[in-house]
């Protein structure tokens, strides 16, 4: 079944279907980081380890696209406040999205992320987070690596 979900998503993204465009229109009005109930792409989420149980958190994040070359301001400023320090072409937008989410939710661990949609200005990712201290996560034998990670 997941293969069909994956194929449908690939076809919709390639053809730029109206359904996904309508979703993107609503996503543009939403906050940059938004908690969602369930993943849009269930096949990708399951491959990355998502389970529909307590302790798992799904977020959709919007990251701006564009050139990695930001022009340096003309007038004098401290180097810290120029805004050119953290702009690196070597870091992918997906890594930027995960870094922003970890900064906002420091008590959760990132399991993975995937692209949902991309347009000329923005790129949307869905990120799977896990609460390693949640009792249902601690009891899950598949997720024992999370508690071992915290111990070290």
C-alpha atoms as a PDB file:
ATOM      1  CA  UNK A   1       0.000   0.000   0.000  1.00  0.00           C
ATOM      2  CA  UNK A   2       2.818   2.406   0.841  1.00  0.00           C
ATOM      3  CA  UNK A   3       4.213   1.962  -2.664  1.00  0.00           C
ATOM      4  CA  UNK A   4       0.967   3.344  -4.108  1.00  0.00           C
ATOM      5  CA  UNK A   5       1.019   6.291  -1.719  1.00  0.00           C
ATOM      6  CA  UNK A   6       4.603   7.017  -2.759  1.00  0.00           C
ATOM      7  CA  UNK A   7       3.780   6.759  -6.466  1.00  0.00           C
ATOM      8  CA  UNK A   8       0.788   9.091  -6.079  1.00  0.00           C
ATOM      9  CA  UNK A   9       2.912  11.710  -4.284  1.00  0.00           C
ATOM     10  CA  UNK A  10       5.655  11.507  -6.911  1.00  0.00           C
ATOM     11  CA  UNK A  11       3.125  11.927  -9.717  1.00  0.00           C
ATOM     12  CA  UNK A  12       1.434  14.869  -7.987  1.00  0.00           C
ATOM     13  CA  UNK A  13       4.757  16.625  -7.346  1.00  0.00           C
ATOM     14  CA  UNK A  14       5.956  16.106 -10.926  1.00  0.00           C
ATOM     15  CA  UNK A  15       2.741  17.336 -12.508  1.00  0.00           C
ATOM     16  CA  UNK A  16       2.287  20.136  -9.946  1.00  0.00           C
ATOM     17  CA  UNK A  17      -1.273  18.994  -9.264  1.00  0.00           C
ATOM     18  CA  UNK A  18      -3.922  21.447  -8.171  1.00  0.00           C
ATOM     19  CA  UNK A  19      -4.486  19.579  -4.886  1.00  0.00           C
ATOM     20  CA  UNK A  20      -0.942  20.199  -3.658  1.00  0.00           C
ATOM     21  CA  UNK A  21      -0.994  23.794  -4.888  1.00  0.00           C
ATOM     22  CA  UNK A  22      -4.134  24.416  -2.828  1.00  0.00           C
ATOM     23  CA  UNK A  23      -2.399  22.968   0.224  1.00  0.00           C
ATOM     24  CA  UNK A  24       0.599  25.232  -0.387  1.00  0.00           C
ATOM     25  CA  UNK A  25      -1.664  28.273  -0.517  1.00  0.00           C
ATOM     26  CA  UNK A  26      -2.930  27.520   2.985  1.00  0.00           C
ATOM     27  CA  UNK A  27       0.582  26.605   4.215  1.00  0.00           C
ATOM     28  CA  UNK A  28       1.878  30.043   3.199  1.00  0.00           C
ATOM     29  CA  UNK A  29      -0.538  31.675   5.646  1.00  0.00           C
ATOM     30  CA  UNK A  30       0.446  29.379   8.527  1.00  0.00           C
ATOM     31  CA  UNK A  31       3.341  29.949  10.939  1.00  0.00           C
ATOM     32  CA  UNK A  32       6.812  28.831   9.829  1.00  0.00           C
ATOM     33  CA  UNK A  33       6.849  25.944  12.329  1.00  0.00           C
ATOM     34  CA  UNK A  34       3.514  24.226  12.860  1.00  0.00           C
ATOM     35  CA  UNK A  35       2.614  21.046  14.733  1.00  0.00           C
ATOM     36  CA  UNK A  36       0.415  18.738  12.664  1.00  0.00           C
ATOM     37  CA  UNK A  37      -1.751  15.776  13.654  1.00  0.00           C
ATOM     38  CA  UNK A  38      -0.533  13.226  11.118  1.00  0.00           C
ATOM     39  CA  UNK A  39       2.036  13.065   8.311  1.00  0.00           C
ATOM     40  CA  UNK A  40       1.062  14.090   4.796  1.00  0.00           C
ATOM     41  CA  UNK A  41       3.322  11.458   3.279  1.00  0.00           C
ATOM     42  CA  UNK A  42       2.654   8.362   5.361  1.00  0.00           C
ATOM     43  CA  UNK A  43       5.010   6.200   3.285  1.00  0.00           C
ATOM     44  CA  UNK A  44       8.036   8.461   3.917  1.00  0.00           C
ATOM     45  CA  UNK A  45       7.169   8.912   7.582  1.00  0.00           C
ATOM     46  CA  UNK A  46       6.918   5.149   8.140  1.00  0.00           C
ATOM     47  CA  UNK A  47      10.254   4.590   6.386  1.00  0.00           C
ATOM     48  CA  UNK A  48      11.844   7.074   8.774  1.00  0.00           C
ATOM     49  CA  UNK A  49      10.404   5.303  11.818  1.00  0.00           C
ATOM     50  CA  UNK A  50       7.137   7.142  12.529  1.00  0.00           C
ATOM     51  CA  UNK A  51       4.561   5.314  14.639  1.00  0.00           C
ATOM     52  CA  UNK A  52       1.062   6.549  15.456  1.00  0.00           C
ATOM     53  CA  UNK A  53       1.561   6.547  19.214  1.00  0.00           C
ATOM     54  CA  UNK A  54       2.144   8.961  22.043  1.00  0.00           C
ATOM     55  CA  UNK A  55       5.610  10.449  22.193  1.00  0.00           C
ATOM     56  CA  UNK A  56       5.834  11.118  18.447  1.00  0.00           C
ATOM     57  CA  UNK A  57       5.433  14.686  17.240  1.00  0.00           C
ATOM     58  CA  UNK A  58       4.998  15.784  13.615  1.00  0.00           C
ATOM     59  CA  UNK A  59       5.922  19.298  12.515  1.00  0.00           C
ATOM     60  CA  UNK A  60       5.712  21.112   9.206  1.00  0.00           C
ATOM     61  CA  UNK A  61       8.362  23.779   8.721  1.00  0.00           C
ATOM     62  CA  UNK A  62       8.723  26.386   6.015  1.00  0.00           C
ATOM     63  CA  UNK A  63      12.242  27.371   4.972  1.00  0.00           C
ATOM     64  CA  UNK A  64      13.021  30.170   2.548  1.00  0.00           C
ATOM     65  CA  UNK A  65      14.757  29.270  -0.689  1.00  0.00           C
ATOM     66  CA  UNK A  66      17.130  31.300  -2.753  1.00  0.00           C
ATOM     67  CA  UNK A  67      20.765  32.053  -3.340  1.00  0.00           C
ATOM     68  CA  UNK A  68      23.223  31.351  -0.583  1.00  0.00           C
ATOM     69  CA  UNK A  69      25.153  34.514  -1.396  1.00  0.00           C
ATOM     70  CA  UNK A  70      23.810  37.273   0.791  1.00  0.00           C
ATOM     71  CA  UNK A  71      25.311  40.659   0.031  1.00  0.00           C
ATOM     72  CA  UNK A  72      27.218  42.304   2.836  1.00  0.00           C
ATOM     73  CA  UNK A  73      25.602  45.511   4.166  1.00  0.00           C
ATOM     74  CA  UNK A  74      27.355  48.734   3.180  1.00  0.00           C
ATOM     75  CA  UNK A  75      27.275  50.646   6.469  1.00  0.00           C
ATOM     76  CA  UNK A  76      29.210  49.624   9.565  1.00  0.00           C
ATOM     77  CA  UNK A  77      27.989  46.864  11.829  1.00  0.00           C
ATOM     78  CA  UNK A  78      29.400  44.253  14.136  1.00  0.00           C
ATOM     79  CA  UNK A  79      30.224  41.073  12.218  1.00  0.00           C
ATOM     80  CA  UNK A  80      27.760  39.205  14.423  1.00  0.00           C
ATOM     81  CA  UNK A  81      24.887  41.447  13.279  1.00  0.00           C
ATOM     82  CA  UNK A  82      25.649  41.456   9.560  1.00  0.00           C
ATOM     83  CA  UNK A  83      23.423  38.459   8.887  1.00  0.00           C
ATOM     84  CA  UNK A  84      25.893  36.758   6.576  1.00  0.00           C
ATOM     85  CA  UNK A  85      27.550  34.396   9.062  1.00  0.00           C
ATOM     86  CA  UNK A  86      25.142  31.432   9.086  1.00  0.00           C
ATOM     87  CA  UNK A  87      24.374  31.451   5.358  1.00  0.00           C
ATOM     88  CA  UNK A  88      26.331  28.549   3.894  1.00  0.00           C
ATOM     89  CA  UNK A  89      25.928  26.849   0.545  1.00  0.00           C
ATOM     90  CA  UNK A  90      27.292  23.591   1.993  1.00  0.00           C
ATOM     91  CA  UNK A  91      24.313  23.181   4.354  1.00  0.00           C
ATOM     92  CA  UNK A  92      21.128  21.881   2.745  1.00  0.00           C
ATOM     93  CA  UNK A  93      17.728  23.415   3.409  1.00  0.00           C
ATOM     94  CA  UNK A  94      16.698  20.171   5.090  1.00  0.00           C
ATOM     95  CA  UNK A  95      19.529  20.496   7.608  1.00  0.00           C
ATOM     96  CA  UNK A  96      18.581  24.127   8.198  1.00  0.00           C
ATOM     97  CA  UNK A  97      14.976  23.060   8.870  1.00  0.00           C
ATOM     98  CA  UNK A  98      16.042  20.351  11.316  1.00  0.00           C
ATOM     99  CA  UNK A  99      18.383  22.746  13.104  1.00  0.00           C
ATOM    100  CA  UNK A 100      15.601  25.313  13.553  1.00  0.00           C
ATOM    101  CA  UNK A 101      13.225  22.706  14.929  1.00  0.00           C
ATOM    102  CA  UNK A 102      15.807  21.379  17.409  1.00  0.00           C
ATOM    103  CA  UNK A 103      16.392  24.922  18.604  1.00  0.00           C
ATOM    104  CA  UNK A 104      12.661  25.399  19.245  1.00  0.00           C
ATOM    105  CA  UNK A 105      12.081  21.950  20.809  1.00  0.00           C
ATOM    106  CA  UNK A 106      15.283  21.050  22.700  1.00  0.00           C
ATOM    107  CA  UNK A 107      13.689  18.194  24.668  1.00  0.00           C
ATOM    108  CA  UNK A 108      12.763  16.224  21.505  1.00  0.00           C
ATOM    109  CA  UNK A 109      14.985  14.143  19.217  1.00  0.00           C
ATOM    110  CA  UNK A 110      14.785  14.340  15.415  1.00  0.00           C
ATOM    111  CA  UNK A 111      14.108  10.970  13.780  1.00  0.00           C
ATOM    112  CA  UNK A 112      14.050  12.272  10.227  1.00  0.00           C
ATOM    113  CA  UNK A 113      12.517  14.661   7.753  1.00  0.00           C
ATOM    114  CA  UNK A 114      11.328  14.786   4.177  1.00  0.00           C
ATOM    115  CA  UNK A 115      10.257  17.347   1.583  1.00  0.00           C
ATOM    116  CA  UNK A 116       6.539  17.941   1.179  1.00  0.00           C
ATOM    117  CA  UNK A 117       6.457  20.778  -1.377  1.00  0.00           C
ATOM    118  CA  UNK A 118       8.700  23.331  -2.998  1.00  0.00           C
ATOM    119  CA  UNK A 119       7.896  26.528  -4.843  1.00  0.00           C
ATOM    120  CA  UNK A 120       9.951  29.484  -6.027  1.00  0.00           C
ATOM    121  CA  UNK A 121      10.169  31.135  -2.609  1.00  0.00           C
ATOM    122  CA  UNK A 122       9.736  28.433   0.044  1.00  0.00           C
ATOM    123  CA  UNK A 123      10.347  24.788   0.750  1.00  0.00           C
ATOM    124  CA  UNK A 124       8.251  22.789   3.226  1.00  0.00           C
ATOM    125  CA  UNK A 125       9.522  19.845   5.236  1.00  0.00           C
ATOM    126  CA  UNK A 126       7.770  17.531   7.633  1.00  0.00           C
ATOM    127  CA  UNK A 127       9.957  16.556  10.568  1.00  0.00           C
ATOM    128  CA  UNK A 128       9.410  13.588  12.869  1.00  0.00           C
ATOM    129  CA  UNK A 129      10.352  14.213  16.487  1.00  0.00           C
ATOM    130  CA  UNK A 130      10.355  11.782  19.398  1.00  0.00           C
ATOM    131  CA  UNK A 131      10.175  12.455  23.114  1.00  0.00           C
ATOM    132  CA  UNK A 132      12.789  10.052  24.561  1.00  0.00           C
ATOM    133  CA  UNK A 133      11.438  10.516  28.100  1.00  0.00           C
ATOM    134  CA  UNK A 134       7.872   9.468  27.278  1.00  0.00           C
ATOM    135  CA  UNK A 135       6.885   6.142  28.920  1.00  0.00           C
ATOM    136  CA  UNK A 136       5.477   4.650  25.700  1.00  0.00           C
ATOM    137  CA  UNK A 137       8.736   5.418  23.883  1.00  0.00           C
ATOM    138  CA  UNK A 138      10.847   3.959  26.689  1.00  0.00           C
ATOM    139  CA  UNK A 139       8.748   0.770  26.605  1.00  0.00           C
ATOM    140  CA  UNK A 140       9.119   0.370  22.811  1.00  0.00           C
ATOM    141  CA  UNK A 141      11.862  -2.127  21.983  1.00  0.00           C
ATOM    142  CA  UNK A 142      12.413  -0.586  18.519  1.00  0.00           C
ATOM    143  CA  UNK A 143      13.302   2.773  20.066  1.00  0.00           C
ATOM    144  CA  UNK A 144      15.789   1.714  22.734  1.00  0.00           C
ATOM    145  CA  UNK A 145      18.532   3.607  20.899  1.00  0.00           C
ATOM    146  CA  UNK A 146      16.898   6.867  21.980  1.00  0.00           C
ATOM    147  CA  UNK A 147      17.342   6.191  25.694  1.00  0.00           C
ATOM    148  CA  UNK A 148      20.912   4.909  25.115  1.00  0.00           C
ATOM    149  CA  UNK A 149      21.684   8.131  23.235  1.00  0.00           C
ATOM    150  CA  UNK A 150      20.564  10.249  26.207  1.00  0.00           C
ATOM    151  CA  UNK A 151      22.596   8.211  28.702  1.00  0.00           C
ATOM    152  CA  UNK A 152      25.882   8.941  26.961  1.00  0.00           C
END
